[in-house]
Amino acid sequence: MAKKEEIERLKEEIFFLVDSVLEDPTVPRNIKNSLNEAKEKLENYKDVTNVSLALYILDDLNNDPNMPPHTRTELWKVISKLEELKEKIKK
């Protein structure tokens, strides 16, 4: 699979995971706002910097005491996929 195709596939997976959290009515608004901000960084990415910014946002969000446990698990999945995306872009 070509690098560009792999990057697009990973982005789609990340967006799917983020959207599933955004649709969850039990997730607090501030967490949804941060997720939207991270998603926006990825939608407009030009290089690894935007992926790093999205990672920073989500990593910071991971410390939010209001986050439901099931959301934290989903967030870890997103962070893992973002790390994978970052590595693909670097290569």
PDB file of N, CA and C in Angstrom:
ATOM      1  N   MET A   1       0.856  -1.184   0.000  1.00  0.00           N
ATOM      2  CA  MET A   1       0.000   0.000   0.000  1.00  0.00           C
ATOM      3  C   MET A   1       0.897   1.241   0.000  1.00  0.00           C
ATOM      4  N   ALA A   2       0.541   2.186  -0.809  1.00  0.00           N
ATOM      5  CA  ALA A   2       1.318   3.416  -0.919  1.00  0.00           C
ATOM      6  C   ALA A   2       1.203   4.237   0.359  1.00  0.00           C
ATOM      7  N   LYS A   3       2.246   5.011   0.616  1.00  0.00           N
ATOM      8  CA  LYS A   3       2.294   5.821   1.839  1.00  0.00           C
ATOM      9  C   LYS A   3       1.089   6.747   1.947  1.00  0.00           C
ATOM     10  N   LYS A   4       0.747   7.399   0.846  1.00  0.00           N
ATOM     11  CA  LYS A   4      -0.376   8.344   0.868  1.00  0.00           C
ATOM     12  C   LYS A   4      -1.694   7.634   1.201  1.00  0.00           C
ATOM     13  N   GLU A   5      -1.871   6.438   0.643  1.00  0.00           N
ATOM     14  CA  GLU A   5      -3.091   5.658   0.924  1.00  0.00           C
ATOM     15  C   GLU A   5      -3.146   5.236   2.392  1.00  0.00           C
ATOM     16  N   GLU A   6      -1.995   4.844   2.942  1.00  0.00           N
ATOM     17  CA  GLU A   6      -1.942   4.448   4.353  1.00  0.00           C
ATOM     18  C   GLU A   6      -2.286   5.631   5.262  1.00  0.00           C
ATOM     19  N   ILE A   7      -1.760   6.799   4.916  1.00  0.00           N
ATOM     20  CA  ILE A   7      -2.032   8.002   5.701  1.00  0.00           C
ATOM     21  C   ILE A   7      -3.525   8.332   5.659  1.00  0.00           C
ATOM     22  N   GLU A   8      -4.126   8.259   4.487  1.00  0.00           N
ATOM     23  CA  GLU A   8      -5.565   8.540   4.361  1.00  0.00           C
ATOM     24  C   GLU A   8      -6.399   7.519   5.118  1.00  0.00           C
ATOM     25  N   ARG A   9      -6.001   6.245   5.067  1.00  0.00           N
ATOM     26  CA  ARG A   9      -6.729   5.199   5.788  1.00  0.00           C
ATOM     27  C   ARG A   9      -6.674   5.464   7.294  1.00  0.00           C
ATOM     28  N   LEU A  10      -5.488   5.808   7.784  1.00  0.00           N
ATOM     29  CA  LEU A  10      -5.344   6.112   9.210  1.00  0.00           C
ATOM     30  C   LEU A  10      -6.171   7.323   9.611  1.00  0.00           C
ATOM     31  N   LYS A  11      -6.154   8.352   8.788  1.00  0.00           N
ATOM     32  CA  LYS A  11      -6.963   9.544   9.086  1.00  0.00           C
ATOM     33  C   LYS A  11      -8.438   9.181   9.173  1.00  0.00           C
ATOM     34  N   GLU A  12      -8.911   8.354   8.245  1.00  0.00           N
ATOM     35  CA  GLU A  12     -10.322   7.939   8.270  1.00  0.00           C
ATOM     36  C   GLU A  12     -10.639   7.166   9.548  1.00  0.00           C
ATOM     37  N   GLU A  13      -9.737   6.288   9.963  1.00  0.00           N
ATOM     38  CA  GLU A  13      -9.945   5.531  11.201  1.00  0.00           C
ATOM     39  C   GLU A  13     -10.014   6.470  12.402  1.00  0.00           C
ATOM     40  N   ILE A  14      -9.115   7.438  12.423  1.00  0.00           N
ATOM     41  CA  ILE A  14      -9.087   8.412  13.522  1.00  0.00           C
ATOM     42  C   ILE A  14     -10.376   9.217  13.549  1.00  0.00           C
ATOM     43  N   PHE A  15     -10.812   9.701  12.382  1.00  0.00           N
ATOM     44  CA  PHE A  15     -12.044  10.483  12.314  1.00  0.00           C
ATOM     45  C   PHE A  15     -13.246   9.652  12.759  1.00  0.00           C
ATOM     46  N   PHE A  16     -13.265   8.379  12.393  1.00  0.00           N
ATOM     47  CA  PHE A  16     -14.359   7.501  12.805  1.00  0.00           C
ATOM     48  C   PHE A  16     -14.402   7.382  14.331  1.00  0.00           C
ATOM     49  N   LEU A  17     -13.227   7.155  14.943  1.00  0.00           N
ATOM     50  CA  LEU A  17     -13.162   7.034  16.404  1.00  0.00           C
ATOM     51  C   LEU A  17     -13.571   8.338  17.089  1.00  0.00           C
ATOM     52  N   VAL A  18     -13.057   9.450  16.586  1.00  0.00           N
ATOM     53  CA  VAL A  18     -13.377  10.756  17.177  1.00  0.00           C
ATOM     54  C   VAL A  18     -14.874  11.040  17.036  1.00  0.00           C
ATOM     55  N   ASP A  19     -15.428  10.775  15.859  1.00  0.00           N
ATOM     56  CA  ASP A  19     -16.855  11.025  15.638  1.00  0.00           C
ATOM     57  C   ASP A  19     -17.727  10.177  16.558  1.00  0.00           C
ATOM     58  N   SER A  20     -17.304   8.952  16.817  1.00  0.00           N
ATOM     59  CA  SER A  20     -18.103   8.104  17.718  1.00  0.00           C
ATOM     60  C   SER A  20     -18.126   8.681  19.135  1.00  0.00           C
ATOM     61  N   VAL A  21     -17.017   9.281  19.568  1.00  0.00           N
ATOM     62  CA  VAL A  21     -16.981   9.922  20.891  1.00  0.00           C
ATOM     63  C   VAL A  21     -17.820  11.194  20.867  1.00  0.00           C
ATOM     64  N   LEU A  22     -17.726  11.949  19.785  1.00  0.00           N
ATOM     65  CA  LEU A  22     -18.489  13.200  19.683  1.00  0.00           C
ATOM     66  C   LEU A  22     -20.001  12.960  19.702  1.00  0.00           C
ATOM     67  N   GLU A  23     -20.427  11.817  19.217  1.00  0.00           N
ATOM     68  CA  GLU A  23     -21.859  11.495  19.181  1.00  0.00           C
ATOM     69  C   GLU A  23     -22.383  10.953  20.506  1.00  0.00           C
ATOM     70  N   ASP A  24     -21.483  10.643  21.429  1.00  0.00           N
ATOM     71  CA  ASP A  24     -21.867  10.081  22.721  1.00  0.00           C
ATOM     72  C   ASP A  24     -22.428  11.189  23.619  1.00  0.00           C
ATOM     73  N   PRO A  25     -23.695  11.081  24.023  1.00  0.00           N
ATOM     74  CA  PRO A  25     -24.304  12.137  24.849  1.00  0.00           C
ATOM     75  C   PRO A  25     -23.745  12.220  26.275  1.00  0.00           C
ATOM     76  N   THR A  26     -22.993  11.214  26.718  1.00  0.00           N
ATOM     77  CA  THR A  26     -22.455  11.241  28.076  1.00  0.00           C
ATOM     78  C   THR A  26     -21.119  11.984  28.166  1.00  0.00           C
ATOM     79  N   VAL A  27     -20.565  12.367  27.020  1.00  0.00           N
ATOM     80  CA  VAL A  27     -19.267  13.054  27.003  1.00  0.00           C
ATOM     81  C   VAL A  27     -19.489  14.548  27.266  1.00  0.00           C
ATOM     82  N   PRO A  28     -18.784  15.108  28.249  1.00  0.00           N
ATOM     83  CA  PRO A  28     -18.934  16.538  28.559  1.00  0.00           C
ATOM     84  C   PRO A  28     -18.561  17.438  27.374  1.00  0.00           C
ATOM     85  N   ARG A  29     -19.160  18.599  27.350  1.00  0.00           N
ATOM     86  CA  ARG A  29     -18.980  19.547  26.240  1.00  0.00           C
ATOM     87  C   ARG A  29     -17.529  19.981  26.064  1.00  0.00           C
ATOM     88  N   ASN A  30     -16.828  20.229  27.174  1.00  0.00           N
ATOM     89  CA  ASN A  30     -15.436  20.677  27.044  1.00  0.00           C
ATOM     90  C   ASN A  30     -14.557  19.616  26.373  1.00  0.00           C
ATOM     91  N   ILE A  31     -14.849  18.364  26.618  1.00  0.00           N
ATOM     92  CA  ILE A  31     -14.104  17.278  25.984  1.00  0.00           C
ATOM     93  C   ILE A  31     -14.436  17.229  24.493  1.00  0.00           C
ATOM     94  N   LYS A  32     -15.705  17.401  24.163  1.00  0.00           N
ATOM     95  CA  LYS A  32     -16.098  17.427  22.750  1.00  0.00           C
ATOM     96  C   LYS A  32     -15.450  18.604  22.025  1.00  0.00           C
ATOM     97  N   ASN A  33     -15.363  19.753  22.693  1.00  0.00           N
ATOM     98  CA  ASN A  33     -14.726  20.919  22.069  1.00  0.00           C
ATOM     99  C   ASN A  33     -13.256  20.637  21.761  1.00  0.00           C
ATOM    100  N   SER A  34     -12.560  20.018  22.695  1.00  0.00           N
ATOM    101  CA  SER A  34     -11.151  19.682  22.475  1.00  0.00           C
ATOM    102  C   SER A  34     -10.990  18.639  21.370  1.00  0.00           C
ATOM    103  N   LEU A  35     -11.893  17.679  21.333  1.00  0.00           N
ATOM    104  CA  LEU A  35     -11.848  16.675  20.267  1.00  0.00           C
ATOM    105  C   LEU A  35     -12.076  17.317  18.902  1.00  0.00           C
ATOM    106  N   ASN A  36     -13.010  18.255  18.848  1.00  0.00           N
ATOM    107  CA  ASN A  36     -13.248  18.965  17.589  1.00  0.00           C
ATOM    108  C   ASN A  36     -12.020  19.771  17.169  1.00  0.00           C
ATOM    109  N   GLU A  37     -11.358  20.375  18.134  1.00  0.00           N
ATOM    110  CA  GLU A  37     -10.149  21.146  17.834  1.00  0.00           C
ATOM    111  C   GLU A  37      -9.052  20.232  17.277  1.00  0.00           C
ATOM    112  N   ALA A  38      -8.872  19.073  17.892  1.00  0.00           N
ATOM    113  CA  ALA A  38      -7.871  18.113  17.414  1.00  0.00           C
ATOM    114  C   ALA A  38      -8.235  17.612  16.019  1.00  0.00           C
ATOM    115  N   LYS A  39      -9.511  17.344  15.811  1.00  0.00           N
ATOM    116  CA  LYS A  39      -9.973  16.873  14.503  1.00  0.00           C
ATOM    117  C   LYS A  39      -9.715  17.932  13.426  1.00  0.00           C
ATOM    118  N   GLU A  40      -9.939  19.179  13.771  1.00  0.00           N
ATOM    119  CA  GLU A  40      -9.705  20.278  12.834  1.00  0.00           C
ATOM    120  C   GLU A  40      -8.222  20.338  12.438  1.00  0.00           C
ATOM    121  N   LYS A  41      -7.334  20.111  13.396  1.00  0.00           N
ATOM    122  CA  LYS A  41      -5.890  20.098  13.103  1.00  0.00           C
ATOM    123  C   LYS A  41      -5.576  19.011  12.078  1.00  0.00           C
ATOM    124  N   LEU A  42      -6.217  17.869  12.225  1.00  0.00           N
ATOM    125  CA  LEU A  42      -5.957  16.763  11.299  1.00  0.00           C
ATOM    126  C   LEU A  42      -6.568  17.002   9.922  1.00  0.00           C
ATOM    127  N   GLU A  43      -7.733  17.614   9.895  1.00  0.00           N
ATOM    128  CA  GLU A  43      -8.378  17.883   8.604  1.00  0.00           C
ATOM    129  C   GLU A  43      -7.538  18.825   7.758  1.00  0.00           C
ATOM    130  N   ASN A  44      -6.824  19.723   8.401  1.00  0.00           N
ATOM    131  CA  ASN A  44      -6.038  20.733   7.698  1.00  0.00           C
ATOM    132  C   ASN A  44      -4.544  20.465   7.770  1.00  0.00           C
ATOM    133  N   TYR A  45      -4.173  19.197   7.989  1.00  0.00           N
ATOM    134  CA  TYR A  45      -2.750  18.939   8.199  1.00  0.00           C
ATOM    135  C   TYR A  45      -1.956  19.070   6.902  1.00  0.00           C
ATOM    136  N   LYS A  46      -0.761  19.609   7.050  1.00  0.00           N
ATOM    137  CA  LYS A  46       0.166  19.728   5.935  1.00  0.00           C
ATOM    138  C   LYS A  46       1.447  18.955   6.234  1.00  0.00           C
ATOM    139  N   ASP A  47       1.714  18.761   7.497  1.00  0.00           N
ATOM    140  CA  ASP A  47       2.905  18.017   7.895  1.00  0.00           C
ATOM    141  C   ASP A  47       2.689  17.422   9.285  1.00  0.00           C
ATOM    142  N   VAL A  48       3.750  16.903   9.831  1.00  0.00           N
ATOM    143  CA  VAL A  48       3.674  16.214  11.120  1.00  0.00           C
ATOM    144  C   VAL A  48       3.348  17.174  12.271  1.00  0.00           C
ATOM    145  N   THR A  49       3.533  18.469  12.059  1.00  0.00           N
ATOM    146  CA  THR A  49       3.270  19.454  13.111  1.00  0.00           C
ATOM    147  C   THR A  49       1.811  19.431  13.552  1.00  0.00           C
ATOM    148  N   ASN A  50       0.887  19.381  12.610  1.00  0.00           N
ATOM    149  CA  ASN A  50      -0.532  19.369  12.971  1.00  0.00           C
ATOM    150  C   ASN A  50      -0.915  18.088  13.699  1.00  0.00           C
ATOM    151  N   VAL A  51      -0.301  16.964  13.318  1.00  0.00           N
ATOM    152  CA  VAL A  51      -0.551  15.710  14.024  1.00  0.00           C
ATOM    153  C   VAL A  51      -0.031  15.826  15.459  1.00  0.00           C
ATOM    154  N   SER A  52       1.133  16.442  15.618  1.00  0.00           N
ATOM    155  CA  SER A  52       1.693  16.642  16.952  1.00  0.00           C
ATOM    156  C   SER A  52       0.801  17.548  17.798  1.00  0.00           C
ATOM    157  N   LEU A  53       0.242  18.585  17.172  1.00  0.00           N
ATOM    158  CA  LEU A  53      -0.676  19.469  17.896  1.00  0.00           C
ATOM    159  C   LEU A  53      -1.926  18.716  18.343  1.00  0.00           C
ATOM    160  N   ALA A  54      -2.463  17.885  17.465  1.00  0.00           N
ATOM    161  CA  ALA A  54      -3.639  17.079  17.819  1.00  0.00           C
ATOM    162  C   ALA A  54      -3.297  16.133  18.969  1.00  0.00           C
ATOM    163  N   LEU A  55      -2.120  15.529  18.908  1.00  0.00           N
ATOM    164  CA  LEU A  55      -1.671  14.645  19.991  1.00  0.00           C
ATOM    165  C   LEU A  55      -1.553  15.399  21.309  1.00  0.00           C
ATOM    166  N   TYR A  56      -1.007  16.585  21.244  1.00  0.00           N
ATOM    167  CA  TYR A  56      -0.850  17.403  22.448  1.00  0.00           C
ATOM    168  C   TYR A  56      -2.216  17.720  23.068  1.00  0.00           C
ATOM    169  N   ILE A  57      -3.170  18.084  22.233  1.00  0.00           N
ATOM    170  CA  ILE A  57      -4.520  18.400  22.706  1.00  0.00           C
ATOM    171  C   ILE A  57      -5.137  17.189  23.398  1.00  0.00           C
ATOM    172  N   LEU A  58      -5.035  16.027  22.748  1.00  0.00           N
ATOM    173  CA  LEU A  58      -5.658  14.823  23.301  1.00  0.00           C
ATOM    174  C   LEU A  58      -4.923  14.317  24.535  1.00  0.00           C
ATOM    175  N   ASP A  59      -3.619  14.452  24.540  1.00  0.00           N
ATOM    176  CA  ASP A  59      -2.856  14.027  25.706  1.00  0.00           C
ATOM    177  C   ASP A  59      -3.222  14.882  26.917  1.00  0.00           C
ATOM    178  N   ASP A  60      -3.362  16.170  26.689  1.00  0.00           N
ATOM    179  CA  ASP A  60      -3.776  17.078  27.760  1.00  0.00           C
ATOM    180  C   ASP A  60      -5.199  16.746  28.222  1.00  0.00           C
ATOM    181  N   LEU A  61      -6.044  16.417  27.283  1.00  0.00           N
ATOM    182  CA  LEU A  61      -7.433  16.077  27.574  1.00  0.00           C
ATOM    183  C   LEU A  61      -7.532  14.795  28.410  1.00  0.00           C
ATOM    184  N   ASN A  62      -6.583  13.926  28.231  1.00  0.00           N
ATOM    185  CA  ASN A  62      -6.567  12.643  28.936  1.00  0.00           C
ATOM    186  C   ASN A  62      -6.527  12.817  30.455  1.00  0.00           C
ATOM    187  N   ASN A  63      -6.088  13.977  30.914  1.00  0.00           N
ATOM    188  CA  ASN A  63      -6.003  14.243  32.358  1.00  0.00           C
ATOM    189  C   ASN A  63      -7.268  14.872  32.933  1.00  0.00           C
ATOM    190  N   ASP A  64      -8.280  15.061  32.107  1.00  0.00           N
ATOM    191  CA  ASP A  64      -9.523  15.691  32.556  1.00  0.00           C
ATOM    192  C   ASP A  64     -10.272  14.762  33.515  1.00  0.00           C
ATOM    193  N   PRO A  65     -10.527  15.216  34.746  1.00  0.00           N
ATOM    194  CA  PRO A  65     -11.213  14.361  35.719  1.00  0.00           C
ATOM    195  C   PRO A  65     -12.689  14.107  35.390  1.00  0.00           C
ATOM    196  N   ASN A  66     -13.268  14.910  34.489  1.00  0.00           N
ATOM    197  CA  ASN A  66     -14.677  14.730  34.128  1.00  0.00           C
ATOM    198  C   ASN A  66     -14.889  13.695  33.024  1.00  0.00           C
ATOM    199  N   MET A  67     -13.813  13.143  32.520  1.00  0.00           N
ATOM    200  CA  MET A  67     -13.945  12.219  31.404  1.00  0.00           C
ATOM    201  C   MET A  67     -14.484  10.864  31.867  1.00  0.00           C
ATOM    202  N   PRO A  68     -15.549  10.403  31.210  1.00  0.00           N
ATOM    203  CA  PRO A  68     -16.064   9.069  31.548  1.00  0.00           C
ATOM    204  C   PRO A  68     -15.020   7.997  31.199  1.00  0.00           C
ATOM    205  N   PRO A  69     -14.949   6.936  31.978  1.00  0.00           N
ATOM    206  CA  PRO A  69     -13.931   5.892  31.739  1.00  0.00           C
ATOM    207  C   PRO A  69     -13.963   5.303  30.325  1.00  0.00           C
ATOM    208  N   HIS A  70     -15.153   5.073  29.783  1.00  0.00           N
ATOM    209  CA  HIS A  70     -15.227   4.493  28.442  1.00  0.00           C
ATOM    210  C   HIS A  70     -14.704   5.477  27.388  1.00  0.00           C
ATOM    211  N   THR A  71     -14.841   6.761  27.647  1.00  0.00           N
ATOM    212  CA  THR A  71     -14.322   7.774  26.733  1.00  0.00           C
ATOM    213  C   THR A  71     -12.800   7.808  26.796  1.00  0.00           C
ATOM    214  N   ARG A  72     -12.258   7.639  27.975  1.00  0.00           N
ATOM    215  CA  ARG A  72     -10.794   7.618  28.131  1.00  0.00           C
ATOM    216  C   ARG A  72     -10.198   6.469  27.307  1.00  0.00           C
ATOM    217  N   THR A  73     -10.862   5.326  27.322  1.00  0.00           N
ATOM    218  CA  THR A  73     -10.397   4.179  26.537  1.00  0.00           C
ATOM    219  C   THR A  73     -10.412   4.511  25.048  1.00  0.00           C
ATOM    220  N   GLU A  74     -11.482   5.137  24.599  1.00  0.00           N
ATOM    221  CA  GLU A  74     -11.566   5.531  23.185  1.00  0.00           C
ATOM    222  C   GLU A  74     -10.486   6.564  22.851  1.00  0.00           C
ATOM    223  N   LEU A  75     -10.231   7.450  23.766  1.00  0.00           N
ATOM    224  CA  LEU A  75      -9.207   8.472  23.560  1.00  0.00           C
ATOM    225  C   LEU A  75      -7.825   7.828  23.410  1.00  0.00           C
ATOM    226  N   TRP A  76      -7.550   6.801  24.199  1.00  0.00           N
ATOM    227  CA  TRP A  76      -6.267   6.088  24.074  1.00  0.00           C
ATOM    228  C   TRP A  76      -6.138   5.456  22.689  1.00  0.00           C
ATOM    229  N   LYS A  77      -7.244   4.942  22.169  1.00  0.00           N
ATOM    230  CA  LYS A  77      -7.216   4.368  20.814  1.00  0.00           C
ATOM    231  C   LYS A  77      -6.867   5.445  19.788  1.00  0.00           C
ATOM    232  N   VAL A  78      -7.479   6.612  19.939  1.00  0.00           N
ATOM    233  CA  VAL A  78      -7.214   7.718  19.014  1.00  0.00           C
ATOM    234  C   VAL A  78      -5.753   8.141  19.112  1.00  0.00           C
ATOM    235  N   ILE A  79      -5.242   8.264  20.325  1.00  0.00           N
ATOM    236  CA  ILE A  79      -3.851   8.661  20.519  1.00  0.00           C
ATOM    237  C   ILE A  79      -2.910   7.638  19.884  1.00  0.00           C
ATOM    238  N   SER A  80      -3.222   6.376  20.041  1.00  0.00           N
ATOM    239  CA  SER A  80      -2.403   5.321  19.434  1.00  0.00           C
ATOM    240  C   SER A  80      -2.385   5.449  17.905  1.00  0.00           C
ATOM    241  N   LYS A  81      -3.546   5.683  17.324  1.00  0.00           N
ATOM    242  CA  LYS A  81      -3.639   5.847  15.863  1.00  0.00           C
ATOM    243  C   LYS A  81      -2.901   7.113  15.413  1.00  0.00           C
ATOM    244  N   LEU A  82      -2.970   8.172  16.215  1.00  0.00           N
ATOM    245  CA  LEU A  82      -2.252   9.406  15.873  1.00  0.00           C
ATOM    246  C   LEU A  82      -0.742   9.182  15.904  1.00  0.00           C
ATOM    247  N   GLU A  83      -0.268   8.422  16.869  1.00  0.00           N
ATOM    248  CA  GLU A  83       1.162   8.095  16.927  1.00  0.00           C
ATOM    249  C   GLU A  83       1.575   7.312  15.679  1.00  0.00           C
ATOM    250  N   GLU A  84       0.734   6.375  15.291  1.00  0.00           N
ATOM    251  CA  GLU A  84       0.998   5.591  14.080  1.00  0.00           C
ATOM    252  C   GLU A  84       1.016   6.498  12.844  1.00  0.00           C
ATOM    253  N   LEU A  85       0.062   7.405  12.773  1.00  0.00           N
ATOM    254  CA  LEU A  85      -0.005   8.354  11.654  1.00  0.00           C
ATOM    255  C   LEU A  85       1.247   9.227  11.616  1.00  0.00           C
ATOM    256  N   LYS A  86       1.660   9.681  12.758  1.00  0.00           N
ATOM    257  CA  LYS A  86       2.849  10.539  12.851  1.00  0.00           C
ATOM    258  C   LYS A  86       4.084   9.810  12.301  1.00  0.00           C
ATOM    259  N   GLU A  87       4.218   8.546  12.643  1.00  0.00           N
ATOM    260  CA  GLU A  87       5.345   7.746  12.156  1.00  0.00           C
ATOM    261  C   GLU A  87       5.277   7.550  10.637  1.00  0.00           C
ATOM    262  N   LYS A  88       4.078   7.322  10.130  1.00  0.00           N
ATOM    263  CA  LYS A  88       3.919   7.135   8.673  1.00  0.00           C
ATOM    264  C   LYS A  88       4.296   8.401   7.919  1.00  0.00           C
ATOM    265  N   ILE A  89       3.912   9.538   8.466  1.00  0.00           N
ATOM    266  CA  ILE A  89       4.207  10.809   7.801  1.00  0.00           C
ATOM    267  C   ILE A  89       5.707  11.094   7.821  1.00  0.00           C
ATOM    268  N   LYS A  90       6.364  10.737   8.908  1.00  0.00           N
ATOM    269  CA  LYS A  90       7.806  10.994   9.044  1.00  0.00           C
ATOM    270  C   LYS A  90       8.634  10.205   8.029  1.00  0.00           C
ATOM    271  N   LYS A  91       8.186   8.999   7.696  1.00  0.00           N
ATOM    272  CA  LYS A  91       8.968   8.120   6.805  1.00  0.00           C
ATOM    273  C   LYS A  91       9.035   8.642   5.397  1.00  0.00           C
TER     274      LYS A  91
END
